[in-house]
Amino acid sequence: MAMRSHYCGLVTEALLGQTVTLSGWVNRRRDHGGVIFIDLRDREGSVQVVCDPDRAEMFKTAEGVRNEFCVQVKGLVRARPEGTTNDNLQSGKIEVLCHELNVLNPSVTPPFQIDEENLSETTRLTHRVLDLRRPYMQNNLMLRYKVAMEVRKFLDEHGFIDIE
């Protein structure tokens, strides 16, 4: 099985009724008395995964999942029930009904929430690996990559050779 068929943030209404395989970090896990919701994120955004107790083995795994676990989910894309949509997310009108859940790598409880805004520089630098997962830092990394690629393309078009 492939690691992923789609990125979390790119799962939209266009995929309704399709089975997708997603990989990413657990941003939040919410247990609503019988149903577990997992907000799964990767570099492209996040998507809500619904774990139903009908699949006992998968549900038992979902009960043990915590923030920052790296997981793989296989499930069916379906529309969110009326009144539960989230217009702030690209994937806010859909959810993924989980059929299979694999923990790729567990995590200890992180010292801060990835989406926390007011972090001291000392905390950020001490936990640099976690800091790089924050959306602000992800955007910086993508911008740096795009600028470097444009510079390389320009230099290549003008006959320069890149030597390291």
N, C-alpha and C. Protein backbone atom coordinates (compact mmCIF):
# COMPACT_ATOMS: atom_id res chain seq x y z
N MET A 1 0.85 -1.18 0.00
CA MET A 1 0.00 0.00 0.00
C MET A 1 0.90 1.23 0.00
N ALA A 2 0.55 2.23 -0.80
CA ALA A 2 1.30 3.48 -0.86
C ALA A 2 1.15 4.24 0.46
N MET A 3 2.15 5.05 0.78
CA MET A 3 2.11 5.81 2.02
C MET A 3 0.91 6.77 2.04
N ARG A 4 0.60 7.36 0.89
CA ARG A 4 -0.56 8.25 0.79
C ARG A 4 -1.04 8.33 -0.64
N SER A 5 -2.33 8.58 -0.78
CA SER A 5 -2.88 8.82 -2.12
C SER A 5 -3.12 10.31 -2.32
N HIS A 6 -3.31 11.03 -1.21
CA HIS A 6 -3.58 12.47 -1.25
C HIS A 6 -2.96 13.12 -0.01
N TYR A 7 -2.70 14.41 -0.11
CA TYR A 7 -2.30 15.18 1.07
C TYR A 7 -3.56 15.61 1.81
N CYS A 8 -3.46 15.70 3.13
CA CYS A 8 -4.62 16.01 3.97
C CYS A 8 -5.33 17.29 3.55
N GLY A 9 -4.57 18.36 3.35
CA GLY A 9 -5.16 19.65 3.02
C GLY A 9 -5.76 19.72 1.63
N LEU A 10 -5.53 18.70 0.81
CA LEU A 10 -6.05 18.70 -0.56
C LEU A 10 -7.24 17.77 -0.74
N VAL A 11 -7.72 17.20 0.36
CA VAL A 11 -8.93 16.37 0.30
C VAL A 11 -10.12 17.33 0.33
N THR A 12 -10.89 17.34 -0.76
CA THR A 12 -12.02 18.26 -0.89
C THR A 12 -13.27 17.51 -1.32
N GLU A 13 -14.31 18.27 -1.57
CA GLU A 13 -15.59 17.70 -2.01
C GLU A 13 -15.47 16.95 -3.34
N ALA A 14 -14.45 17.27 -4.12
CA ALA A 14 -14.24 16.58 -5.39
C ALA A 14 -13.96 15.10 -5.18
N LEU A 15 -13.55 14.71 -3.99
CA LEU A 15 -13.21 13.32 -3.69
C LEU A 15 -14.33 12.58 -2.96
N LEU A 16 -15.52 13.17 -2.84
CA LEU A 16 -16.63 12.53 -2.14
C LEU A 16 -16.88 11.13 -2.68
N GLY A 17 -17.01 10.17 -1.77
CA GLY A 17 -17.29 8.79 -2.14
C GLY A 17 -16.06 7.97 -2.49
N GLN A 18 -14.90 8.60 -2.51
CA GLN A 18 -13.67 7.87 -2.84
C GLN A 18 -12.94 7.43 -1.57
N THR A 19 -12.17 6.37 -1.69
CA THR A 19 -11.32 5.91 -0.60
C THR A 19 -9.95 6.55 -0.77
N VAL A 20 -9.44 7.16 0.31
CA VAL A 20 -8.14 7.83 0.28
C VAL A 20 -7.23 7.23 1.34
N THR A 21 -5.94 7.36 1.11
CA THR A 21 -4.94 6.99 2.10
C THR A 21 -4.18 8.25 2.44
N LEU A 22 -4.15 8.60 3.73
CA LEU A 22 -3.51 9.83 4.19
C LEU A 22 -2.44 9.50 5.22
N SER A 23 -1.40 10.31 5.26
CA SER A 23 -0.36 10.18 6.28
C SER A 23 -0.09 11.56 6.85
N GLY A 24 0.13 11.62 8.15
CA GLY A 24 0.42 12.92 8.76
C GLY A 24 0.50 12.83 10.26
N TRP A 25 0.52 13.99 10.88
CA TRP A 25 0.60 14.10 12.33
C TRP A 25 -0.79 14.35 12.91
N VAL A 26 -1.04 13.79 14.07
CA VAL A 26 -2.30 14.05 14.77
C VAL A 26 -2.19 15.43 15.40
N ASN A 27 -3.01 16.34 14.93
CA ASN A 27 -3.00 17.69 15.48
C ASN A 27 -3.83 17.74 16.76
N ARG A 28 -4.99 17.11 16.73
CA ARG A 28 -5.87 17.02 17.91
C ARG A 28 -6.62 15.70 17.82
N ARG A 29 -6.95 15.18 19.00
CA ARG A 29 -7.78 13.98 19.09
C ARG A 29 -8.90 14.30 20.07
N ARG A 30 -10.15 14.10 19.63
CA ARG A 30 -11.29 14.40 20.49
C ARG A 30 -12.16 13.15 20.60
N ASP A 31 -12.46 12.76 21.84
CA ASP A 31 -13.31 11.60 22.10
C ASP A 31 -14.67 12.13 22.51
N HIS A 32 -15.68 11.88 21.68
CA HIS A 32 -17.03 12.37 21.96
C HIS A 32 -17.94 11.21 22.36
N GLY A 33 -17.50 10.44 23.33
CA GLY A 33 -18.34 9.36 23.86
C GLY A 33 -18.79 8.37 22.82
N GLY A 34 -17.87 7.62 22.29
CA GLY A 34 -18.23 6.59 21.32
C GLY A 34 -17.70 6.86 19.93
N VAL A 35 -17.44 8.10 19.60
CA VAL A 35 -16.86 8.45 18.31
C VAL A 35 -15.61 9.28 18.59
N ILE A 36 -14.52 8.94 17.91
CA ILE A 36 -13.27 9.69 18.08
C ILE A 36 -13.00 10.48 16.82
N PHE A 37 -12.71 11.77 17.00
CA PHE A 37 -12.36 12.64 15.89
C PHE A 37 -10.86 12.93 15.97
N ILE A 38 -10.19 12.80 14.84
CA ILE A 38 -8.77 13.09 14.76
C ILE A 38 -8.57 14.17 13.69
N ASP A 39 -7.94 15.28 14.08
CA ASP A 39 -7.56 16.29 13.11
C ASP A 39 -6.16 15.93 12.64
N LEU A 40 -6.06 15.48 11.40
CA LEU A 40 -4.81 15.00 10.84
C LEU A 40 -4.23 16.10 9.94
N ARG A 41 -2.93 16.39 10.12
CA ARG A 41 -2.32 17.46 9.32
C ARG A 41 -1.03 16.99 8.66
N ASP A 42 -0.76 17.61 7.53
CA ASP A 42 0.51 17.44 6.85
C ASP A 42 0.90 18.79 6.28
N ARG A 43 1.85 18.83 5.36
CA ARG A 43 2.35 20.11 4.88
C ARG A 43 1.33 20.92 4.09
N GLU A 44 0.28 20.27 3.61
CA GLU A 44 -0.72 20.96 2.79
C GLU A 44 -1.94 21.44 3.59
N GLY A 45 -2.08 21.02 4.83
CA GLY A 45 -3.23 21.43 5.63
C GLY A 45 -3.73 20.29 6.50
N SER A 46 -5.01 20.34 6.84
CA SER A 46 -5.54 19.31 7.73
C SER A 46 -6.91 18.83 7.26
N VAL A 47 -7.30 17.68 7.81
CA VAL A 47 -8.59 17.08 7.50
C VAL A 47 -9.09 16.37 8.76
N GLN A 48 -10.40 16.32 8.91
CA GLN A 48 -10.99 15.63 10.06
C GLN A 48 -11.23 14.17 9.71
N VAL A 49 -10.76 13.29 10.60
CA VAL A 49 -10.94 11.85 10.44
C VAL A 49 -11.90 11.38 11.53
N VAL A 50 -12.91 10.59 11.16
CA VAL A 50 -13.89 10.08 12.11
C VAL A 50 -13.64 8.60 12.33
N CYS A 51 -13.45 8.21 13.58
CA CYS A 51 -13.23 6.81 13.94
C CYS A 51 -14.47 6.30 14.66
N ASP A 52 -15.17 5.40 14.00
CA ASP A 52 -16.43 4.85 14.49
C ASP A 52 -16.15 3.54 15.24
N PRO A 53 -16.85 3.26 16.36
CA PRO A 53 -16.58 2.03 17.11
C PRO A 53 -17.01 0.75 16.40
N ASP A 54 -17.63 0.85 15.23
CA ASP A 54 -18.05 -0.34 14.49
C ASP A 54 -16.86 -1.20 14.07
N ARG A 55 -15.72 -0.59 13.88
CA ARG A 55 -14.48 -1.32 13.53
C ARG A 55 -13.62 -1.39 14.78
N ALA A 56 -13.79 -2.45 15.55
CA ALA A 56 -13.21 -2.57 16.89
C ALA A 56 -11.69 -2.42 16.94
N GLU A 57 -10.99 -3.09 16.04
CA GLU A 57 -9.52 -3.04 16.08
C GLU A 57 -9.01 -1.63 15.78
N MET A 58 -9.59 -0.99 14.75
CA MET A 58 -9.20 0.38 14.40
C MET A 58 -9.54 1.33 15.53
N PHE A 59 -10.71 1.14 16.15
CA PHE A 59 -11.15 2.03 17.21
C PHE A 59 -10.24 1.91 18.43
N LYS A 60 -9.80 0.71 18.74
CA LYS A 60 -8.87 0.51 19.86
C LYS A 60 -7.56 1.24 19.61
N THR A 61 -7.08 1.20 18.37
CA THR A 61 -5.87 1.95 18.01
C THR A 61 -6.11 3.45 18.17
N ALA A 62 -7.28 3.93 17.73
CA ALA A 62 -7.61 5.36 17.82
C ALA A 62 -7.67 5.83 19.26
N GLU A 63 -8.09 4.96 20.17
CA GLU A 63 -8.15 5.35 21.59
C GLU A 63 -6.76 5.63 22.15
N GLY A 64 -5.74 5.00 21.60
CA GLY A 64 -4.38 5.19 22.09
C GLY A 64 -3.61 6.30 21.41
N VAL A 65 -4.18 6.87 20.34
CA VAL A 65 -3.50 7.92 19.59
C VAL A 65 -3.51 9.24 20.37
N ARG A 66 -2.39 9.95 20.31
CA ARG A 66 -2.26 11.24 21.00
C ARG A 66 -1.68 12.28 20.04
N ASN A 67 -1.65 13.53 20.47
CA ASN A 67 -1.09 14.62 19.67
C ASN A 67 0.32 14.29 19.21
N GLU A 68 0.59 14.62 17.97
CA GLU A 68 1.89 14.47 17.32
C GLU A 68 2.27 13.03 16.97
N PHE A 69 1.38 12.07 17.20
CA PHE A 69 1.63 10.73 16.66
C PHE A 69 1.64 10.87 15.14
N CYS A 70 2.51 10.13 14.48
CA CYS A 70 2.52 10.08 13.03
C CYS A 70 1.71 8.85 12.64
N VAL A 71 0.64 9.06 11.87
CA VAL A 71 -0.27 7.96 11.55
C VAL A 71 -0.58 7.91 10.06
N GLN A 72 -1.07 6.75 9.66
CA GLN A 72 -1.57 6.54 8.31
C GLN A 72 -3.03 6.13 8.43
N VAL A 73 -3.89 6.77 7.64
CA VAL A 73 -5.32 6.52 7.69
C VAL A 73 -5.80 6.14 6.29
N LYS A 74 -6.63 5.12 6.25
CA LYS A 74 -7.31 4.77 5.00
C LYS A 74 -8.79 4.85 5.28
N GLY A 75 -9.52 5.59 4.45
CA GLY A 75 -10.94 5.75 4.71
C GLY A 75 -11.70 6.36 3.57
N LEU A 76 -13.00 6.49 3.79
CA LEU A 76 -13.94 6.99 2.79
C LEU A 76 -14.21 8.47 3.01
N VAL A 77 -14.10 9.26 1.96
CA VAL A 77 -14.41 10.69 2.03
C VAL A 77 -15.92 10.85 1.95
N ARG A 78 -16.47 11.55 2.94
CA ARG A 78 -17.92 11.78 2.96
C ARG A 78 -18.19 13.22 3.39
N ALA A 79 -19.38 13.68 3.09
CA ALA A 79 -19.76 15.05 3.47
C ALA A 79 -19.98 15.11 4.99
N ARG A 80 -19.61 16.23 5.58
CA ARG A 80 -19.87 16.40 7.01
C ARG A 80 -21.37 16.61 7.22
N PRO A 81 -21.89 16.17 8.36
CA PRO A 81 -23.32 16.39 8.64
C PRO A 81 -23.65 17.88 8.66
N GLU A 82 -24.89 18.18 8.35
CA GLU A 82 -25.38 19.57 8.33
C GLU A 82 -25.06 20.26 9.65
N GLY A 83 -24.51 21.47 9.56
CA GLY A 83 -24.21 22.26 10.76
C GLY A 83 -22.84 22.01 11.36
N THR A 84 -22.07 21.08 10.79
CA THR A 84 -20.74 20.78 11.35
C THR A 84 -19.62 21.17 10.40
N THR A 85 -19.95 21.88 9.33
CA THR A 85 -18.91 22.29 8.38
C THR A 85 -18.02 23.37 9.00
N ASN A 86 -16.80 23.48 8.48
CA ASN A 86 -15.83 24.46 8.94
C ASN A 86 -15.34 25.24 7.73
N ASP A 87 -15.85 26.46 7.56
CA ASP A 87 -15.51 27.26 6.38
C ASP A 87 -14.08 27.79 6.41
N ASN A 88 -13.40 27.65 7.54
CA ASN A 88 -12.01 28.12 7.65
C ASN A 88 -11.01 27.14 7.05
N LEU A 89 -11.46 25.93 6.73
CA LEU A 89 -10.59 24.91 6.17
C LEU A 89 -10.99 24.60 4.74
N GLN A 90 -10.01 24.30 3.90
CA GLN A 90 -10.31 23.88 2.53
C GLN A 90 -11.07 22.55 2.56
N SER A 91 -10.76 21.72 3.56
CA SER A 91 -11.42 20.42 3.69
C SER A 91 -12.58 20.48 4.69
N GLY A 92 -13.09 21.66 4.95
CA GLY A 92 -14.09 21.86 6.00
C GLY A 92 -15.49 21.34 5.71
N LYS A 93 -15.75 20.93 4.48
CA LYS A 93 -17.08 20.43 4.15
C LYS A 93 -17.13 18.91 4.10
N ILE A 94 -15.96 18.29 4.29
CA ILE A 94 -15.89 16.83 4.23
C ILE A 94 -15.19 16.28 5.46
N GLU A 95 -15.26 14.98 5.61
CA GLU A 95 -14.51 14.27 6.64
C GLU A 95 -14.16 12.90 6.07
N VAL A 96 -13.22 12.24 6.71
CA VAL A 96 -12.81 10.92 6.25
C VAL A 96 -13.25 9.90 7.29
N LEU A 97 -14.11 8.98 6.88
CA LEU A 97 -14.55 7.90 7.76
C LEU A 97 -13.46 6.84 7.75
N CYS A 98 -12.80 6.66 8.88
CA CYS A 98 -11.63 5.80 8.98
C CYS A 98 -12.00 4.31 8.89
N HIS A 99 -11.32 3.60 7.99
CA HIS A 99 -11.46 2.16 7.89
C HIS A 99 -10.24 1.45 8.46
N GLU A 100 -9.07 2.05 8.24
CA GLU A 100 -7.81 1.49 8.77
C GLU A 100 -7.00 2.62 9.38
N LEU A 101 -6.37 2.34 10.52
CA LEU A 101 -5.53 3.32 11.20
C LEU A 101 -4.25 2.62 11.64
N ASN A 102 -3.12 3.12 11.16
CA ASN A 102 -1.82 2.56 11.52
C ASN A 102 -0.98 3.65 12.17
N VAL A 103 -0.44 3.36 13.34
CA VAL A 103 0.47 4.30 13.98
C VAL A 103 1.85 4.03 13.38
N LEU A 104 2.38 5.03 12.66
CA LEU A 104 3.69 4.90 12.05
C LEU A 104 4.79 5.20 13.06
N ASN A 105 4.51 6.17 13.96
CA ASN A 105 5.47 6.53 14.98
C ASN A 105 4.75 7.22 16.13
N PRO A 106 4.79 6.63 17.33
CA PRO A 106 4.17 7.31 18.48
C PRO A 106 5.03 8.49 18.92
N SER A 107 4.47 9.31 19.76
CA SER A 107 5.18 10.50 20.23
C SER A 107 4.92 10.69 21.72
N VAL A 108 5.91 11.21 22.42
CA VAL A 108 5.66 11.61 23.80
C VAL A 108 4.83 12.88 23.75
N THR A 109 4.22 13.24 24.86
CA THR A 109 3.43 14.46 24.90
C THR A 109 4.32 15.66 24.60
N PRO A 110 3.99 16.44 23.57
CA PRO A 110 4.85 17.57 23.23
C PRO A 110 4.82 18.66 24.30
N PRO A 111 5.90 19.44 24.44
CA PRO A 111 5.96 20.48 25.46
C PRO A 111 5.07 21.69 25.16
N PHE A 112 4.57 21.76 23.93
CA PHE A 112 3.64 22.83 23.56
C PHE A 112 2.80 22.37 22.38
N GLN A 113 1.65 23.05 22.19
CA GLN A 113 0.79 22.75 21.05
C GLN A 113 1.42 23.35 19.80
N ILE A 114 1.40 22.63 18.72
CA ILE A 114 2.01 23.09 17.47
C ILE A 114 1.36 24.39 16.99
N ASP A 115 0.07 24.55 17.23
CA ASP A 115 -0.61 25.77 16.77
C ASP A 115 -0.57 26.90 17.79
N GLU A 116 0.21 26.74 18.86
CA GLU A 116 0.36 27.79 19.87
C GLU A 116 1.16 28.95 19.30
N GLU A 117 0.67 30.17 19.49
CA GLU A 117 1.29 31.35 18.88
C GLU A 117 2.36 32.00 19.77
N ASN A 118 2.12 32.08 21.06
CA ASN A 118 3.00 32.84 21.95
C ASN A 118 4.04 31.95 22.60
N LEU A 119 5.04 31.56 21.82
CA LEU A 119 6.12 30.73 22.34
C LEU A 119 7.38 31.57 22.47
N SER A 120 8.11 31.32 23.54
CA SER A 120 9.39 32.03 23.69
C SER A 120 10.39 31.46 22.70
N GLU A 121 11.37 32.27 22.35
CA GLU A 121 12.39 31.81 21.41
C GLU A 121 13.18 30.65 22.00
N THR A 122 13.38 30.67 23.31
CA THR A 122 14.10 29.58 23.97
C THR A 122 13.35 28.26 23.80
N THR A 123 12.05 28.27 24.00
CA THR A 123 11.23 27.06 23.83
C THR A 123 11.28 26.59 22.39
N ARG A 124 11.14 27.52 21.46
CA ARG A 124 11.16 27.17 20.04
C ARG A 124 12.48 26.53 19.63
N LEU A 125 13.59 27.12 20.09
CA LEU A 125 14.90 26.61 19.70
C LEU A 125 15.24 25.30 20.41
N THR A 126 14.78 25.15 21.65
CA THR A 126 15.01 23.91 22.39
C THR A 126 14.31 22.74 21.71
N HIS A 127 13.14 23.01 21.17
CA HIS A 127 12.33 21.97 20.52
C HIS A 127 12.20 22.30 19.03
N ARG A 128 13.33 22.50 18.38
CA ARG A 128 13.37 22.94 16.98
C ARG A 128 12.62 21.99 16.04
N VAL A 129 12.72 20.69 16.29
CA VAL A 129 12.03 19.72 15.43
C VAL A 129 10.53 19.96 15.44
N LEU A 130 9.97 20.25 16.60
CA LEU A 130 8.53 20.54 16.69
C LEU A 130 8.22 21.91 16.10
N ASP A 131 9.10 22.87 16.32
CA ASP A 131 8.89 24.22 15.81
C ASP A 131 8.77 24.21 14.29
N LEU A 132 9.53 23.35 13.63
CA LEU A 132 9.48 23.30 12.16
C LEU A 132 8.17 22.75 11.64
N ARG A 133 7.36 22.15 12.49
CA ARG A 133 6.04 21.65 12.07
C ARG A 133 4.96 22.73 12.11
N ARG A 134 5.26 23.85 12.75
CA ARG A 134 4.25 24.92 12.86
C ARG A 134 3.98 25.54 11.50
N PRO A 135 2.73 25.94 11.23
CA PRO A 135 2.38 26.49 9.91
C PRO A 135 3.26 27.67 9.49
N TYR A 136 3.59 28.55 10.41
CA TYR A 136 4.42 29.71 10.09
C TYR A 136 5.79 29.25 9.57
N MET A 137 6.38 28.28 10.25
CA MET A 137 7.69 27.78 9.85
C MET A 137 7.58 26.98 8.55
N GLN A 138 6.50 26.23 8.38
CA GLN A 138 6.30 25.49 7.13
C GLN A 138 6.23 26.45 5.94
N ASN A 139 5.53 27.58 6.13
CA ASN A 139 5.44 28.58 5.06
C ASN A 139 6.82 29.16 4.75
N ASN A 140 7.61 29.42 5.79
CA ASN A 140 8.97 29.93 5.57
C ASN A 140 9.82 28.94 4.78
N LEU A 141 9.73 27.66 5.13
CA LEU A 141 10.50 26.64 4.42
C LEU A 141 10.08 26.54 2.95
N MET A 142 8.77 26.59 2.70
CA MET A 142 8.29 26.52 1.32
C MET A 142 8.73 27.75 0.52
N LEU A 143 8.68 28.93 1.14
CA LEU A 143 9.12 30.15 0.46
C LEU A 143 10.61 30.06 0.13
N ARG A 144 11.41 29.61 1.08
CA ARG A 144 12.85 29.46 0.85
C ARG A 144 13.11 28.50 -0.31
N TYR A 145 12.40 27.40 -0.34
CA TYR A 145 12.55 26.41 -1.41
C TYR A 145 12.21 27.03 -2.76
N LYS A 146 11.08 27.74 -2.84
CA LYS A 146 10.64 28.32 -4.11
C LYS A 146 11.62 29.38 -4.62
N VAL A 147 12.14 30.21 -3.71
CA VAL A 147 13.11 31.24 -4.10
C VAL A 147 14.38 30.57 -4.63
N ALA A 148 14.87 29.56 -3.91
CA ALA A 148 16.08 28.86 -4.34
C ALA A 148 15.89 28.22 -5.72
N MET A 149 14.71 27.63 -5.96
CA MET A 149 14.44 27.00 -7.26
C MET A 149 14.39 28.04 -8.38
N GLU A 150 13.80 29.20 -8.14
CA GLU A 150 13.73 30.25 -9.15
C GLU A 150 15.13 30.77 -9.47
N VAL A 151 15.96 30.96 -8.46
CA VAL A 151 17.34 31.41 -8.68
C VAL A 151 18.10 30.38 -9.50
N ARG A 152 17.96 29.10 -9.15
CA ARG A 152 18.65 28.04 -9.89
C ARG A 152 18.17 27.98 -11.35
N LYS A 153 16.85 28.12 -11.56
CA LYS A 153 16.33 28.11 -12.94
C LYS A 153 16.90 29.27 -13.74
N PHE A 154 16.92 30.47 -13.13
CA PHE A 154 17.44 31.65 -13.81
C PHE A 154 18.91 31.45 -14.18
N LEU A 155 19.70 31.00 -13.22
CA LEU A 155 21.13 30.80 -13.48
C LEU A 155 21.36 29.72 -14.54
N ASP A 156 20.57 28.65 -14.51
CA ASP A 156 20.68 27.58 -15.50
C ASP A 156 20.36 28.10 -16.90
N GLU A 157 19.30 28.91 -17.01
CA GLU A 157 18.92 29.47 -18.30
C GLU A 157 20.00 30.39 -18.87
N HIS A 158 20.84 30.93 -18.01
CA HIS A 158 21.89 31.85 -18.44
C HIS A 158 23.26 31.19 -18.48
N GLY A 159 23.28 29.86 -18.50
CA GLY A 159 24.51 29.13 -18.73
C GLY A 159 25.40 28.89 -17.54
N PHE A 160 24.94 29.20 -16.37
CA PHE A 160 25.76 28.96 -15.17
C PHE A 160 25.68 27.48 -14.78
N ILE A 161 26.73 27.00 -14.16
CA ILE A 161 26.78 25.63 -13.69
C ILE A 161 26.81 25.68 -12.17
N ASP A 162 25.95 24.89 -11.55
CA ASP A 162 25.87 24.84 -10.09
C ASP A 162 26.88 23.83 -9.58
N ILE A 163 27.84 24.29 -8.79
CA ILE A 163 28.85 23.42 -8.23
C ILE A 163 28.82 23.54 -6.71
N GLU A 164 28.78 22.38 -6.05
CA GLU A 164 28.81 22.39 -4.59
C GLU A 164 30.13 21.85 -4.11
